[in-house]
């Protein structure tokens, strides 16, 4: 189902909008918010979960309160961009917990990483011991974020 978009009607989209912000909402509350009764709401939610549209539920943590307020974006250029090299890089990136996001880019570099650490010293260690040693890395460029203006589409503080 991941290769083709799932056909969503307006009620499905309302369900997704609500649970994106409040994944712990009861089915009764969800039904009231979207304008359906409980049984069809529950059936729709179950279908969205079973088809993989809803992949799961998780807690969101405040990285600042956890002491991980240093964010760096890293451009990575590889020496080899054949499929095997990309697969090796992808697998290795997944094992580095400080890398929050990794995107294959069409442009002047190959990957863009979002790296979150406790500070510049810990970032330099992650860069030197982990990122720079990833398979097929030719070079990196780091951009340090000064402030997060918007990080999450469900952030109530976002415009």
Protein backbone atom coordinates (compact mmCIF):
# COMPACT_ATOMS: atom_id res chain seq x y z
CA UNK A 1 0.00 0.00 0.00
CA UNK A 2 3.02 2.30 0.43
CA UNK A 3 3.52 2.60 -3.33
CA UNK A 4 0.06 4.03 -4.03
CA UNK A 5 -1.80 6.72 -2.10
CA UNK A 6 -4.73 5.51 -0.03
CA UNK A 7 -8.11 6.93 -1.08
CA UNK A 8 -9.16 9.22 1.78
CA UNK A 9 -12.56 10.83 2.12
CA UNK A 10 -13.26 13.98 4.18
CA UNK A 11 -14.00 11.99 7.36
CA UNK A 12 -10.72 10.07 7.04
CA UNK A 13 -8.86 13.36 6.64
CA UNK A 14 -10.60 14.79 9.71
CA UNK A 15 -9.57 11.72 11.72
CA UNK A 16 -5.95 12.16 10.61
CA UNK A 17 -6.01 15.88 11.43
CA UNK A 18 -7.27 15.19 14.96
CA UNK A 19 -5.01 12.25 15.84
CA UNK A 20 -1.96 14.07 14.42
CA UNK A 21 -2.38 16.56 17.26
CA UNK A 22 -3.90 14.26 19.90
CA UNK A 23 -3.04 10.60 19.37
CA UNK A 24 -4.41 9.71 22.81
CA UNK A 25 -7.92 10.96 22.12
CA UNK A 26 -10.69 8.47 22.90
CA UNK A 27 -12.75 7.12 20.02
CA UNK A 28 -15.84 8.73 21.59
CA UNK A 29 -14.16 12.15 21.63
CA UNK A 30 -12.80 11.61 18.13
CA UNK A 31 -16.27 10.73 16.84
CA UNK A 32 -17.69 13.93 18.32
CA UNK A 33 -14.92 16.03 16.78
CA UNK A 34 -15.39 14.66 13.26
CA UNK A 35 -19.20 14.44 13.30
CA UNK A 36 -19.71 10.67 13.10
CA UNK A 37 -20.97 8.14 15.63
CA UNK A 38 -18.53 5.99 17.56
CA UNK A 39 -18.81 2.72 15.57
CA UNK A 40 -18.06 4.11 12.11
CA UNK A 41 -15.29 6.28 13.56
CA UNK A 42 -13.70 3.26 15.22
CA UNK A 43 -14.00 1.23 11.99
CA UNK A 44 -12.40 4.03 9.96
CA UNK A 45 -9.56 4.43 12.46
CA UNK A 46 -8.93 0.67 12.45
CA UNK A 47 -8.91 0.65 8.62
CA UNK A 48 -6.43 3.56 8.57
CA UNK A 49 -4.18 1.62 10.96
CA UNK A 50 -4.49 -1.73 9.13
CA UNK A 51 -3.74 -0.22 5.73
CA UNK A 52 -0.66 1.54 7.06
CA UNK A 53 -1.93 5.09 6.60
CA UNK A 54 -1.55 5.40 10.39
CA UNK A 55 1.79 3.79 11.14
CA UNK A 56 1.64 4.10 14.91
CA UNK A 57 1.48 6.40 17.88
CA UNK A 58 4.35 7.85 19.85
CA UNK A 59 5.27 10.34 22.50
CA UNK A 60 6.94 13.59 21.48
CA UNK A 61 9.70 14.84 23.74
CA UNK A 62 10.99 18.35 24.26
CA UNK A 63 14.63 18.13 23.12
CA UNK A 64 15.49 21.35 24.99
CA UNK A 65 14.42 19.85 28.31
CA UNK A 66 16.46 16.75 27.48
CA UNK A 67 19.58 18.86 26.93
CA UNK A 68 19.69 18.31 23.15
CA UNK A 69 19.30 21.88 21.94
CA UNK A 70 22.11 21.97 19.38
CA UNK A 71 20.81 21.38 15.85
CA UNK A 72 23.05 21.12 12.83
CA UNK A 73 22.15 20.43 9.23
CA UNK A 74 24.83 18.55 7.37
CA UNK A 75 25.25 18.35 3.61
CA UNK A 76 26.92 15.08 2.65
CA UNK A 77 28.57 14.42 -0.69
CA UNK A 78 29.34 10.80 -1.52
CA UNK A 79 32.14 9.30 -3.60
CA UNK A 80 29.73 6.77 -5.11
CA UNK A 81 26.00 7.09 -5.75
CA UNK A 82 25.25 3.69 -7.19
CA UNK A 83 22.42 1.78 -5.51
CA UNK A 84 24.70 -0.41 -3.37
CA UNK A 85 26.56 2.63 -2.05
CA UNK A 86 23.32 4.44 -1.21
CA UNK A 87 21.99 1.34 0.57
CA UNK A 88 25.18 1.04 2.64
CA UNK A 89 25.03 4.72 3.58
CA UNK A 90 21.32 4.51 4.47
CA UNK A 91 21.82 1.48 6.69
CA UNK A 92 24.72 3.08 8.54
CA UNK A 93 22.86 6.38 9.08
CA UNK A 94 19.99 4.53 10.76
CA UNK A 95 22.38 3.34 13.47
CA UNK A 96 23.38 6.87 14.59
CA UNK A 97 20.83 8.11 17.14
CA UNK A 98 21.91 11.75 16.90
CA UNK A 99 20.78 11.85 13.26
CA UNK A 100 17.10 12.75 13.50
CA UNK A 101 16.47 12.98 9.77
CA UNK A 102 18.25 11.92 6.60
CA UNK A 103 17.10 12.92 3.12
CA UNK A 104 18.48 11.91 -0.26
CA UNK A 105 18.70 15.16 -2.23
CA UNK A 106 18.62 15.98 -5.92
CA UNK A 107 21.16 18.77 -6.13
CA UNK A 108 24.77 19.76 -5.57
CA UNK A 109 25.17 17.29 -2.70
CA UNK A 110 23.70 13.85 -2.03
CA UNK A 111 22.21 13.85 1.47
CA UNK A 112 20.94 16.36 4.00
CA UNK A 113 21.09 15.29 7.64
CA UNK A 114 19.46 16.87 10.67
CA UNK A 115 21.66 16.18 13.68
CA UNK A 116 20.66 16.98 17.27
CA UNK A 117 23.21 16.97 20.12
CA UNK A 118 23.80 18.63 23.47
CA UNK A 119 26.28 21.18 22.12
CA UNK A 120 29.08 21.94 19.70
CA UNK A 121 31.56 19.66 21.45
CA UNK A 122 29.28 16.63 21.22
CA UNK A 123 28.38 17.55 17.64
CA UNK A 124 32.07 17.61 16.67
CA UNK A 125 32.48 14.12 18.13
CA UNK A 126 29.44 12.81 16.22
CA UNK A 127 30.76 14.40 13.03
CA UNK A 128 34.29 13.06 13.44
CA UNK A 129 33.53 9.59 14.78
CA UNK A 130 30.26 8.76 13.05
CA UNK A 131 29.18 10.96 10.14
CA UNK A 132 32.60 11.36 8.51
CA UNK A 133 33.17 7.60 8.75
CA UNK A 134 29.90 6.66 7.04
CA UNK A 135 30.33 4.59 3.87
CA UNK A 136 31.34 6.53 0.76
CA UNK A 137 31.46 10.00 2.38
CA UNK A 138 33.61 12.36 0.33
CA UNK A 139 32.95 15.55 2.28
CA UNK A 140 30.47 17.33 4.55
CA UNK A 141 29.34 20.89 5.19
CA UNK A 142 27.69 21.85 8.46
CA UNK A 143 25.10 24.57 9.06
CA UNK A 144 24.23 25.28 12.69
CA UNK A 145 20.64 26.31 13.41
CA UNK A 146 20.29 29.35 15.65
CA UNK A 147 16.55 28.99 16.29
CA UNK A 148 13.76 26.61 15.30
CA UNK A 149 10.94 28.70 13.90
CA UNK A 150 8.80 25.71 12.91
CA UNK A 151 9.70 22.06 13.37
CA UNK A 152 6.44 20.14 13.47
CA UNK A 153 3.25 20.64 11.49
CA UNK A 154 1.25 19.73 14.60
CA UNK A 155 3.00 22.35 16.74
CA UNK A 156 0.25 24.60 18.14
CA UNK A 157 2.74 27.51 18.18
CA UNK A 158 3.25 27.29 14.41
CA UNK A 159 1.60 29.97 12.29
